[in-house]
Amino acid sequence: MSGPTRELPIIDRHPTRRVYQASVSRRDRMVAVTEGACLPVVVVFGCLLLAYGIAAAFRLLP
């Protein structure tokens, strides 16, 4: 029965940890949203840059 009595202090500490985890999850959500929005922008920008490079190469060939 020592297991449940050991878990009681952890349960008492959880409310403060839950508030901290809520703030961290908000930061993680912000980072996830920014990463999720940044990745397509980087991919599109890279594709445009690649297309511009190919167009410039074709302009230089003739």
PDB file of N, CA and C in Angstrom:
ATOM      1  N   MET A   1       0.838  -1.202   0.000  1.00  0.00           N
ATOM      2  CA  MET A   1       0.000   0.000   0.000  1.00  0.00           C
ATOM      3  C   MET A   1       0.874   1.254   0.000  1.00  0.00           C
ATOM      4  N   SER A   2       2.190   1.088  -0.076  1.00  0.00           N
ATOM      5  CA  SER A   2       3.039   2.275  -0.082  1.00  0.00           C
ATOM      6  C   SER A   2       2.969   2.985  -1.432  1.00  0.00           C
ATOM      7  N   GLY A   3       2.599   2.275  -2.505  1.00  0.00           N
ATOM      8  CA  GLY A   3       2.507   2.883  -3.837  1.00  0.00           C
ATOM      9  C   GLY A   3       1.483   4.009  -3.881  1.00  0.00           C
ATOM     10  N   PRO A   4       0.215   3.756  -3.482  1.00  0.00           N
ATOM     11  CA  PRO A   4      -0.784   4.840  -3.528  1.00  0.00           C
ATOM     12  C   PRO A   4      -0.406   6.027  -2.643  1.00  0.00           C
ATOM     13  N   THR A   5       0.181   5.768  -1.459  1.00  0.00           N
ATOM     14  CA  THR A   5       0.544   6.886  -0.597  1.00  0.00           C
ATOM     15  C   THR A   5       1.688   7.690  -1.219  1.00  0.00           C
ATOM     16  N   ARG A   6       2.538   7.045  -1.995  1.00  0.00           N
ATOM     17  CA  ARG A   6       3.612   7.791  -2.669  1.00  0.00           C
ATOM     18  C   ARG A   6       3.037   8.635  -3.799  1.00  0.00           C
ATOM     19  N   GLU A   7       1.964   8.195  -4.432  1.00  0.00           N
ATOM     20  CA  GLU A   7       1.394   8.943  -5.554  1.00  0.00           C
ATOM     21  C   GLU A   7       0.623  10.172  -5.085  1.00  0.00           C
ATOM     22  N   LEU A   8       0.206  10.213  -3.797  1.00  0.00           N
ATOM     23  CA  LEU A   8      -0.607  11.335  -3.328  1.00  0.00           C
ATOM     24  C   LEU A   8       0.136  12.666  -3.450  1.00  0.00           C
ATOM     25  N   PRO A   9       1.411  12.781  -3.021  1.00  0.00           N
ATOM     26  CA  PRO A   9       2.078  14.078  -3.181  1.00  0.00           C
ATOM     27  C   PRO A   9       2.177  14.493  -4.645  1.00  0.00           C
ATOM     28  N   ILE A  10       2.358  13.518  -5.554  1.00  0.00           N
ATOM     29  CA  ILE A  10       2.438  13.839  -6.979  1.00  0.00           C
ATOM     30  C   ILE A  10       1.100  14.404  -7.443  1.00  0.00           C
ATOM     31  N   ILE A  11      -0.003  13.806  -6.958  1.00  0.00           N
ATOM     32  CA  ILE A  11      -1.328  14.317  -7.337  1.00  0.00           C
ATOM     33  C   ILE A  11      -1.501  15.730  -6.775  1.00  0.00           C
ATOM     34  N   ASP A  12      -0.965  15.983  -5.569  1.00  0.00           N
ATOM     35  CA  ASP A  12      -1.079  17.323  -4.993  1.00  0.00           C
ATOM     36  C   ASP A  12      -0.250  18.326  -5.801  1.00  0.00           C
ATOM     37  N   ARG A  13       0.849  17.887  -6.384  1.00  0.00           N
ATOM     38  CA  ARG A  13       1.681  18.803  -7.164  1.00  0.00           C
ATOM     39  C   ARG A  13       1.109  19.030  -8.565  1.00  0.00           C
ATOM     40  N   HIS A  14       0.237  18.161  -9.024  1.00  0.00           N
ATOM     41  CA  HIS A  14      -0.237  18.232 -10.414  1.00  0.00           C
ATOM     42  C   HIS A  14      -0.950  19.536 -10.775  1.00  0.00           C
ATOM     43  N   PRO A  15      -1.777  20.139  -9.906  1.00  0.00           N
ATOM     44  CA  PRO A  15      -2.444  21.380 -10.339  1.00  0.00           C
ATOM     45  C   PRO A  15      -1.451  22.456 -10.786  1.00  0.00           C
ATOM     46  N   THR A  16      -0.347  22.626 -10.067  1.00  0.00           N
ATOM     47  CA  THR A  16       0.636  23.629 -10.474  1.00  0.00           C
ATOM     48  C   THR A  16       1.296  23.188 -11.778  1.00  0.00           C
ATOM     49  N   ARG A  17       1.577  21.893 -11.912  1.00  0.00           N
ATOM     50  CA  ARG A  17       2.186  21.407 -13.143  1.00  0.00           C
ATOM     51  C   ARG A  17       1.215  21.539 -14.307  1.00  0.00           C
ATOM     52  N   ARG A  18      -0.074  21.355 -14.056  1.00  0.00           N
ATOM     53  CA  ARG A  18      -1.040  21.461 -15.146  1.00  0.00           C
ATOM     54  C   ARG A  18      -1.083  22.887 -15.679  1.00  0.00           C
ATOM     55  N   VAL A  19      -0.992  23.871 -14.788  1.00  0.00           N
ATOM     56  CA  VAL A  19      -0.963  25.263 -15.240  1.00  0.00           C
ATOM     57  C   VAL A  19       0.294  25.499 -16.069  1.00  0.00           C
ATOM     58  N   TYR A  20       1.433  24.977 -15.586  1.00  0.00           N
ATOM     59  CA  TYR A  20       2.686  25.141 -16.327  1.00  0.00           C
ATOM     60  C   TYR A  20       2.613  24.403 -17.662  1.00  0.00           C
ATOM     61  N   GLN A  21       2.047  23.189 -17.648  1.00  0.00           N
ATOM     62  CA  GLN A  21       1.916  22.439 -18.896  1.00  0.00           C
ATOM     63  C   GLN A  21       0.969  23.156 -19.853  1.00  0.00           C
ATOM     64  N   ALA A  22      -0.055  23.822 -19.328  1.00  0.00           N
ATOM     65  CA  ALA A  22      -0.975  24.561 -20.200  1.00  0.00           C
ATOM     66  C   ALA A  22      -0.229  25.694 -20.892  1.00  0.00           C
ATOM     67  N   SER A  23       0.625  26.414 -20.147  1.00  0.00           N
ATOM     68  CA  SER A  23       1.367  27.507 -20.767  1.00  0.00           C
ATOM     69  C   SER A  23       2.371  26.957 -21.779  1.00  0.00           C
ATOM     70  N   VAL A  24       3.000  25.829 -21.448  1.00  0.00           N
ATOM     71  CA  VAL A  24       3.963  25.236 -22.376  1.00  0.00           C
ATOM     72  C   VAL A  24       3.237  24.734 -23.613  1.00  0.00           C
ATOM     73  N   SER A  25       2.059  24.126 -23.422  1.00  0.00           N
ATOM     74  CA  SER A  25       1.320  23.620 -24.574  1.00  0.00           C
ATOM     75  C   SER A  25       0.894  24.792 -25.463  1.00  0.00           C
ATOM     76  N   ARG A  26       0.590  25.937 -24.860  1.00  0.00           N
ATOM     77  CA  ARG A  26       0.255  27.103 -25.680  1.00  0.00           C
ATOM     78  C   ARG A  26       1.466  27.520 -26.503  1.00  0.00           C
ATOM     79  N   ARG A  27       2.644  27.523 -25.881  1.00  0.00           N
ATOM     80  CA  ARG A  27       3.854  27.868 -26.630  1.00  0.00           C
ATOM     81  C   ARG A  27       4.108  26.819 -27.708  1.00  0.00           C
ATOM     82  N   ASP A  28       3.923  25.533 -27.366  1.00  0.00           N
ATOM     83  CA  ASP A  28       4.133  24.482 -28.357  1.00  0.00           C
ATOM     84  C   ASP A  28       3.137  24.626 -29.499  1.00  0.00           C
ATOM     85  N   ARG A  29       1.901  25.006 -29.176  1.00  0.00           N
ATOM     86  CA  ARG A  29       0.922  25.203 -30.243  1.00  0.00           C
ATOM     87  C   ARG A  29       1.323  26.362 -31.131  1.00  0.00           C
ATOM     88  N   MET A  30       1.823  27.446 -30.532  1.00  0.00           N
ATOM     89  CA  MET A  30       2.268  28.595 -31.324  1.00  0.00           C
ATOM     90  C   MET A  30       3.435  28.182 -32.217  1.00  0.00           C
ATOM     91  N   VAL A  31       4.384  27.437 -31.650  1.00  0.00           N
ATOM     92  CA  VAL A  31       5.535  26.988 -32.442  1.00  0.00           C
ATOM     93  C   VAL A  31       5.073  26.048 -33.539  1.00  0.00           C
ATOM     94  N   ALA A  32       4.139  25.148 -33.218  1.00  0.00           N
ATOM     95  CA  ALA A  32       3.639  24.211 -34.222  1.00  0.00           C
ATOM     96  C   ALA A  32       2.906  24.964 -35.320  1.00  0.00           C
ATOM     97  N   VAL A  33       2.136  25.989 -34.948  1.00  0.00           N
ATOM     98  CA  VAL A  33       1.404  26.764 -35.963  1.00  0.00           C
ATOM     99  C   VAL A  33       2.402  27.529 -36.831  1.00  0.00           C
ATOM    100  N   THR A  34       3.399  28.140 -36.201  1.00  0.00           N
ATOM    101  CA  THR A  34       4.372  28.900 -36.987  1.00  0.00           C
ATOM    102  C   THR A  34       5.178  27.958 -37.874  1.00  0.00           C
ATOM    103  N   GLU A  35       5.548  26.782 -37.351  1.00  0.00           N
ATOM    104  CA  GLU A  35       6.275  25.818 -38.176  1.00  0.00           C
ATOM    105  C   GLU A  35       5.382  25.306 -39.297  1.00  0.00           C
ATOM    106  N   GLY A  36       4.128  25.030 -38.981  1.00  0.00           N
ATOM    107  CA  GLY A  36       3.209  24.537 -39.994  1.00  0.00           C
ATOM    108  C   GLY A  36       2.947  25.571 -41.072  1.00  0.00           C
ATOM    109  N   ALA A  37       2.966  26.857 -40.694  1.00  0.00           N
ATOM    110  CA  ALA A  37       2.748  27.919 -41.677  1.00  0.00           C
ATOM    111  C   ALA A  37       4.057  28.276 -42.380  1.00  0.00           C
ATOM    112  N   CYS A  38       5.177  28.056 -41.729  1.00  0.00           N
ATOM    113  CA  CYS A  38       6.465  28.453 -42.306  1.00  0.00           C
ATOM    114  C   CYS A  38       6.920  27.435 -43.346  1.00  0.00           C
ATOM    115  N   LEU A  39       6.654  26.163 -43.114  1.00  0.00           N
ATOM    116  CA  LEU A  39       7.151  25.130 -44.024  1.00  0.00           C
ATOM    117  C   LEU A  39       6.588  25.289 -45.431  1.00  0.00           C
ATOM    118  N   PRO A  40       5.279  25.442 -45.628  1.00  0.00           N
ATOM    119  CA  PRO A  40       4.783  25.651 -47.001  1.00  0.00           C
ATOM    120  C   PRO A  40       5.331  26.928 -47.637  1.00  0.00           C
ATOM    121  N   VAL A  41       5.501  27.978 -46.849  1.00  0.00           N
ATOM    122  CA  VAL A  41       6.050  29.222 -47.397  1.00  0.00           C
ATOM    123  C   VAL A  41       7.472  28.983 -47.894  1.00  0.00           C
ATOM    124  N   VAL A  42       8.259  28.249 -47.099  1.00  0.00           N
ATOM    125  CA  VAL A  42       9.640  27.966 -47.509  1.00  0.00           C
ATOM    126  C   VAL A  42       9.645  27.088 -48.756  1.00  0.00           C
ATOM    127  N   VAL A  43       8.744  26.098 -48.810  1.00  0.00           N
ATOM    128  CA  VAL A  43       8.688  25.216 -49.985  1.00  0.00           C
ATOM    129  C   VAL A  43       8.292  26.012 -51.223  1.00  0.00           C
ATOM    130  N   VAL A  44       7.251  26.853 -51.092  1.00  0.00           N
ATOM    131  CA  VAL A  44       6.806  27.654 -52.242  1.00  0.00           C
ATOM    132  C   VAL A  44       7.907  28.628 -52.657  1.00  0.00           C
ATOM    133  N   PHE A  45       8.541  29.253 -51.683  1.00  0.00           N
ATOM    134  CA  PHE A  45       9.611  30.198 -52.010  1.00  0.00           C
ATOM    135  C   PHE A  45      10.768  29.479 -52.692  1.00  0.00           C
ATOM    136  N   GLY A  46      11.086  28.283 -52.209  1.00  0.00           N
ATOM    137  CA  GLY A  46      12.158  27.505 -52.830  1.00  0.00           C
ATOM    138  C   GLY A  46      11.805  27.110 -54.256  1.00  0.00           C
ATOM    139  N   CYS A  47      10.560  26.710 -54.482  1.00  0.00           N
ATOM    140  CA  CYS A  47      10.132  26.342 -55.836  1.00  0.00           C
ATOM    141  C   CYS A  47      10.187  27.558 -56.763  1.00  0.00           C
ATOM    142  N   LEU A  48       9.742  28.713 -56.260  1.00  0.00           N
ATOM    143  CA  LEU A  48       9.801  29.923 -57.084  1.00  0.00           C
ATOM    144  C   LEU A  48      11.253  30.284 -57.391  1.00  0.00           C
ATOM    145  N   LEU A  49      12.122  30.157 -56.384  1.00  0.00           N
ATOM    146  CA  LEU A  49      13.530  30.462 -56.603  1.00  0.00           C
ATOM    147  C   LEU A  49      14.135  29.494 -57.613  1.00  0.00           C
ATOM    148  N   LEU A  50      13.765  28.216 -57.502  1.00  0.00           N
ATOM    149  CA  LEU A  50      14.265  27.216 -58.449  1.00  0.00           C
ATOM    150  C   LEU A  50      13.760  27.518 -59.859  1.00  0.00           C
ATOM    151  N   ALA A  51      12.470  27.859 -59.977  1.00  0.00           N
ATOM    152  CA  ALA A  51      11.914  28.197 -61.294  1.00  0.00           C
ATOM    153  C   ALA A  51      12.597  29.445 -61.857  1.00  0.00           C
ATOM    154  N   TYR A  52      12.874  30.418 -60.998  1.00  0.00           N
ATOM    155  CA  TYR A  52      13.562  31.633 -61.467  1.00  0.00           C
ATOM    156  C   TYR A  52      14.975  31.290 -61.933  1.00  0.00           C
ATOM    157  N   GLY A  53      15.644  30.402 -61.209  1.00  0.00           N
ATOM    158  CA  GLY A  53      16.989  29.982 -61.618  1.00  0.00           C
ATOM    159  C   GLY A  53      16.962  29.244 -62.938  1.00  0.00           C
ATOM    160  N   ILE A  54      15.967  28.363 -63.126  1.00  0.00           N
ATOM    161  CA  ILE A  54      15.858  27.637 -64.398  1.00  0.00           C
ATOM    162  C   ILE A  54      15.568  28.621 -65.526  1.00  0.00           C
ATOM    163  N   ALA A  55      14.669  29.581 -65.276  1.00  0.00           N
ATOM    164  CA  ALA A  55      14.351  30.572 -66.308  1.00  0.00           C
ATOM    165  C   ALA A  55      15.587  31.403 -66.636  1.00  0.00           C
ATOM    166  N   ALA A  56      16.351  31.779 -65.635  1.00  0.00           N
ATOM    167  CA  ALA A  56      17.573  32.560 -65.882  1.00  0.00           C
ATOM    168  C   ALA A  56      18.580  31.714 -66.654  1.00  0.00           C
ATOM    169  N   ALA A  57      18.680  30.422 -66.344  1.00  0.00           N
ATOM    170  CA  ALA A  57      19.602  29.548 -67.069  1.00  0.00           C
ATOM    171  C   ALA A  57      19.184  29.435 -68.529  1.00  0.00           C
ATOM    172  N   PHE A  58      17.885  29.302 -68.782  1.00  0.00           N
ATOM    173  CA  PHE A  58      17.419  29.204 -70.171  1.00  0.00           C
ATOM    174  C   PHE A  58      17.636  30.534 -70.905  1.00  0.00           C
ATOM    175  N   ARG A  59      17.564  31.643 -70.162  1.00  0.00           N
ATOM    176  CA  ARG A  59      17.813  32.935 -70.803  1.00  0.00           C
ATOM    177  C   ARG A  59      19.290  33.063 -71.161  1.00  0.00           C
ATOM    178  N   LEU A  60      20.173  32.491 -70.347  1.00  0.00           N
ATOM    179  CA  LEU A  60      21.598  32.603 -70.610  1.00  0.00           C
ATOM    180  C   LEU A  60      22.044  31.638 -71.704  1.00  0.00           C
ATOM    181  N   LEU A  61      21.326  30.533 -71.914  1.00  0.00           N
ATOM    182  CA  LEU A  61      21.762  29.536 -72.900  1.00  0.00           C
ATOM    183  C   LEU A  61      21.792  30.094 -74.326  1.00  0.00           C
ATOM    184  N   PRO A  62      20.727  30.673 -74.836  1.00  0.00           N
ATOM    185  CA  PRO A  62      20.812  31.198 -76.196  1.00  0.00           C
ATOM    186  C   PRO A  62      21.451  32.591 -76.216  1.00  0.00           C
TER     187      PRO A  62
END
